[in-house]
Structures are given as C-alpha cells and as structure tokens.
C-alpha cells in the first residue's frame, strides 16, 4: 500500500486540533443533512429546522387524516 499523503502536509505544525472531539456524538448516532444555501438562510440553527419539520409533519398528518377513505356500510 502506497502513502498518498502529499509531502507538504506537515501535521506536526498544525495546532488546535483535538483528536476524538466528536467521537461521543458519532457513537450516539449521527444524522447530518446538508442544506442548500437558500434554505439554510431561513433557519438560524438546528432547533429552527427541527421545529419547521415537526410542523410540516403535523400538517401532513392532518391532511392524510382528512383525506382517508371512509368505509361504507
């Protein structure tokens, strides 16, 4: 196996990195989504995205409930 790392990458001179910084989050499970820039502008943080999606779920559930076919007797 050949090392493909370029010689100009000197990790000994890099400062500030913390090994394993997000390992606990990763072990707990991750669910990352990349938002398009226009969508991201509308939501300041993850809580705003979650609130909007929960509201959309409620609307969809109400819509599905109202459009169910009722059995005939």
N, C-alpha and C. Protein backbone atom coordinates (compact mmCIF):
# COMPACT_ATOMS: atom_id res chain seq x y z
N UNK A 1 0.83 -1.17 0.00
CA UNK A 1 0.00 0.00 0.00
C UNK A 1 0.89 1.25 0.00
N UNK A 2 0.62 2.17 -0.90
CA UNK A 2 1.46 3.35 -1.05
C UNK A 2 0.84 4.54 -0.32
N UNK A 3 1.68 5.32 0.34
CA UNK A 3 1.23 6.51 1.04
C UNK A 3 0.90 7.60 0.02
N UNK A 4 -0.34 8.07 0.01
CA UNK A 4 -0.77 9.07 -0.96
C UNK A 4 -0.75 10.48 -0.39
N UNK A 5 -0.34 10.63 0.87
CA UNK A 5 -0.32 11.93 1.51
C UNK A 5 0.81 12.77 0.93
N UNK A 6 0.49 13.96 0.50
CA UNK A 6 1.48 14.84 -0.09
C UNK A 6 2.48 15.31 0.95
N UNK A 7 3.71 15.52 0.53
CA UNK A 7 4.78 15.88 1.46
C UNK A 7 4.56 17.25 2.10
N UNK A 8 3.81 18.14 1.44
CA UNK A 8 3.59 19.48 2.00
C UNK A 8 2.62 19.49 3.18
N UNK A 9 1.96 18.37 3.48
CA UNK A 9 1.08 18.29 4.63
C UNK A 9 1.90 17.88 5.85
N UNK A 10 2.28 18.85 6.65
CA UNK A 10 3.08 18.60 7.84
C UNK A 10 2.18 18.74 9.06
N UNK A 11 1.64 17.63 9.52
CA UNK A 11 0.70 17.65 10.64
C UNK A 11 1.37 18.02 11.96
N UNK A 12 2.68 17.93 12.04
CA UNK A 12 3.39 18.31 13.26
C UNK A 12 3.28 19.81 13.51
N UNK A 13 3.09 20.59 12.44
CA UNK A 13 2.99 22.04 12.59
C UNK A 13 1.55 22.52 12.77
N UNK A 14 0.60 21.64 12.62
CA UNK A 14 -0.81 22.02 12.78
C UNK A 14 -1.12 22.12 14.27
N UNK A 15 -1.83 23.18 14.66
CA UNK A 15 -2.14 23.39 16.06
C UNK A 15 -3.65 23.54 16.24
N UNK A 16 -4.13 23.20 17.41
CA UNK A 16 -5.52 23.45 17.75
C UNK A 16 -6.45 22.28 17.52
N UNK A 17 -6.01 21.27 16.85
CA UNK A 17 -6.85 20.11 16.61
C UNK A 17 -7.00 19.26 17.86
N UNK A 18 -8.16 18.68 18.04
CA UNK A 18 -8.40 17.82 19.20
C UNK A 18 -8.83 16.45 18.67
N UNK A 19 -8.04 15.46 18.96
CA UNK A 19 -8.35 14.11 18.50
C UNK A 19 -9.57 13.57 19.25
N UNK A 20 -10.53 13.03 18.51
CA UNK A 20 -11.69 12.43 19.13
C UNK A 20 -12.72 13.42 19.66
N UNK A 21 -12.68 14.64 19.20
CA UNK A 21 -13.56 15.69 19.71
C UNK A 21 -15.04 15.33 19.59
N UNK A 22 -15.41 14.66 18.52
CA UNK A 22 -16.82 14.34 18.27
C UNK A 22 -17.12 12.85 18.36
N UNK A 23 -16.25 12.09 18.96
CA UNK A 23 -16.42 10.63 18.98
C UNK A 23 -17.68 10.21 19.73
N UNK A 24 -18.02 10.89 20.82
CA UNK A 24 -19.22 10.52 21.58
C UNK A 24 -20.48 10.80 20.78
N UNK A 25 -20.52 11.93 20.08
CA UNK A 25 -21.67 12.23 19.22
C UNK A 25 -21.80 11.17 18.12
N UNK A 26 -20.67 10.79 17.55
CA UNK A 26 -20.68 9.79 16.48
C UNK A 26 -21.19 8.45 17.00
N UNK A 27 -20.72 8.06 18.16
CA UNK A 27 -21.16 6.79 18.74
C UNK A 27 -22.66 6.81 19.07
N UNK A 28 -23.17 7.97 19.46
CA UNK A 28 -24.59 8.10 19.80
C UNK A 28 -25.45 8.03 18.55
N UNK A 29 -24.85 8.23 17.40
CA UNK A 29 -25.59 8.20 16.14
C UNK A 29 -25.60 9.58 15.51
N UNK A 30 -25.39 9.61 14.24
CA UNK A 30 -25.36 10.88 13.54
C UNK A 30 -26.42 10.89 12.46
N UNK A 31 -26.92 12.07 12.19
CA UNK A 31 -27.91 12.24 11.13
C UNK A 31 -27.70 13.64 10.56
N UNK A 32 -26.70 13.77 9.73
CA UNK A 32 -26.36 15.07 9.18
C UNK A 32 -27.03 15.26 7.84
N UNK A 33 -27.49 16.48 7.60
CA UNK A 33 -28.13 16.83 6.35
C UNK A 33 -27.51 18.13 5.85
N UNK A 34 -27.14 18.18 4.60
CA UNK A 34 -26.59 19.40 4.03
C UNK A 34 -27.72 20.19 3.39
N UNK A 35 -27.93 21.40 3.89
CA UNK A 35 -28.99 22.26 3.38
C UNK A 35 -28.44 23.12 2.25
N UNK A 36 -29.25 23.37 1.24
CA UNK A 36 -28.88 24.33 0.22
C UNK A 36 -28.79 25.71 0.87
N UNK A 37 -27.98 26.58 0.31
CA UNK A 37 -27.71 27.87 0.95
C UNK A 37 -28.98 28.70 1.14
N UNK A 38 -29.90 28.67 0.18
CA UNK A 38 -31.13 29.46 0.33
C UNK A 38 -32.00 28.93 1.46
N UNK A 39 -31.99 27.64 1.67
CA UNK A 39 -32.76 27.04 2.77
C UNK A 39 -32.08 27.35 4.10
N UNK A 40 -30.77 27.23 4.14
CA UNK A 40 -30.02 27.49 5.38
C UNK A 40 -30.19 28.93 5.85
N UNK A 41 -30.36 29.86 4.93
CA UNK A 41 -30.56 31.26 5.32
C UNK A 41 -31.84 31.45 6.12
N UNK A 42 -32.84 30.61 5.89
CA UNK A 42 -34.13 30.75 6.56
C UNK A 42 -34.11 30.18 7.98
N UNK A 43 -33.10 29.38 8.31
CA UNK A 43 -33.05 28.71 9.61
C UNK A 43 -31.75 29.05 10.33
N UNK A 44 -31.83 29.74 11.46
CA UNK A 44 -30.62 30.16 12.16
C UNK A 44 -29.88 29.02 12.88
N UNK A 45 -30.59 27.93 13.17
CA UNK A 45 -29.95 26.83 13.92
C UNK A 45 -30.74 25.54 13.74
N UNK A 46 -30.23 24.46 14.34
CA UNK A 46 -30.87 23.15 14.19
C UNK A 46 -32.25 23.10 14.84
N UNK A 47 -32.44 23.84 15.91
CA UNK A 47 -33.76 23.84 16.56
C UNK A 47 -34.82 24.41 15.63
N UNK A 48 -34.48 25.45 14.88
CA UNK A 48 -35.43 26.05 13.95
C UNK A 48 -35.79 25.07 12.83
N UNK A 49 -34.81 24.33 12.36
CA UNK A 49 -35.08 23.32 11.32
C UNK A 49 -35.99 22.24 11.88
N UNK A 50 -35.68 21.75 13.06
CA UNK A 50 -36.49 20.69 13.67
C UNK A 50 -37.93 21.15 13.91
N UNK A 51 -38.10 22.39 14.40
CA UNK A 51 -39.45 22.93 14.64
C UNK A 51 -40.24 23.00 13.33
N UNK A 52 -39.60 23.48 12.28
CA UNK A 52 -40.28 23.60 10.99
C UNK A 52 -40.67 22.21 10.45
N UNK A 53 -39.79 21.25 10.57
CA UNK A 53 -40.10 19.91 10.08
C UNK A 53 -41.19 19.24 10.90
N UNK A 54 -41.19 19.46 12.21
CA UNK A 54 -42.27 18.91 13.04
C UNK A 54 -43.62 19.51 12.66
N UNK A 55 -43.63 20.81 12.37
CA UNK A 55 -44.87 21.44 11.95
C UNK A 55 -45.34 20.87 10.61
N UNK A 56 -44.41 20.64 9.72
CA UNK A 56 -44.75 20.05 8.43
C UNK A 56 -45.31 18.64 8.60
N UNK A 57 -44.75 17.88 9.52
CA UNK A 57 -45.25 16.53 9.80
C UNK A 57 -46.69 16.61 10.33
N UNK A 58 -46.96 17.54 11.23
CA UNK A 58 -48.32 17.70 11.76
C UNK A 58 -49.30 18.06 10.65
N UNK A 59 -48.91 18.96 9.78
CA UNK A 59 -49.79 19.35 8.67
C UNK A 59 -50.05 18.16 7.76
N UNK A 60 -49.02 17.42 7.45
CA UNK A 60 -49.17 16.25 6.58
C UNK A 60 -50.06 15.21 7.23
N UNK A 61 -49.91 15.01 8.53
CA UNK A 61 -50.75 14.04 9.23
C UNK A 61 -52.21 14.46 9.23
N UNK A 62 -52.46 15.74 9.43
CA UNK A 62 -53.84 16.24 9.38
C UNK A 62 -54.43 16.08 7.99
N UNK A 63 -53.64 16.38 6.99
CA UNK A 63 -54.09 16.27 5.61
C UNK A 63 -54.43 14.81 5.28
N UNK A 64 -53.57 13.90 5.69
CA UNK A 64 -53.81 12.47 5.44
C UNK A 64 -55.04 11.98 6.19
N UNK A 65 -55.24 12.48 7.41
CA UNK A 65 -56.40 12.08 8.20
C UNK A 65 -57.69 12.54 7.52
N UNK A 66 -57.71 13.77 7.01
CA UNK A 66 -58.90 14.32 6.38
C UNK A 66 -59.21 13.69 5.02
N UNK A 67 -58.22 13.09 4.39
CA UNK A 67 -58.41 12.52 3.06
C UNK A 67 -58.55 11.00 3.06
N UNK A 68 -58.67 10.41 4.22
CA UNK A 68 -58.84 8.94 4.28
C UNK A 68 -60.18 8.54 3.72
N UNK A 69 -60.18 7.41 3.06
CA UNK A 69 -61.45 6.88 2.53
C UNK A 69 -62.17 6.22 3.68
N UNK A 70 -63.42 6.63 3.87
CA UNK A 70 -64.22 6.07 4.97
C UNK A 70 -64.96 4.85 4.45
N UNK A 71 -64.96 3.79 5.22
CA UNK A 71 -65.67 2.57 4.78
C UNK A 71 -67.17 2.82 4.68
N UNK A 72 -67.75 2.21 3.68
CA UNK A 72 -69.20 2.30 3.53
C UNK A 72 -69.85 1.11 4.20
N UNK A 73 -71.05 1.34 4.69
CA UNK A 73 -71.76 0.24 5.39
C UNK A 73 -72.74 -0.43 4.47
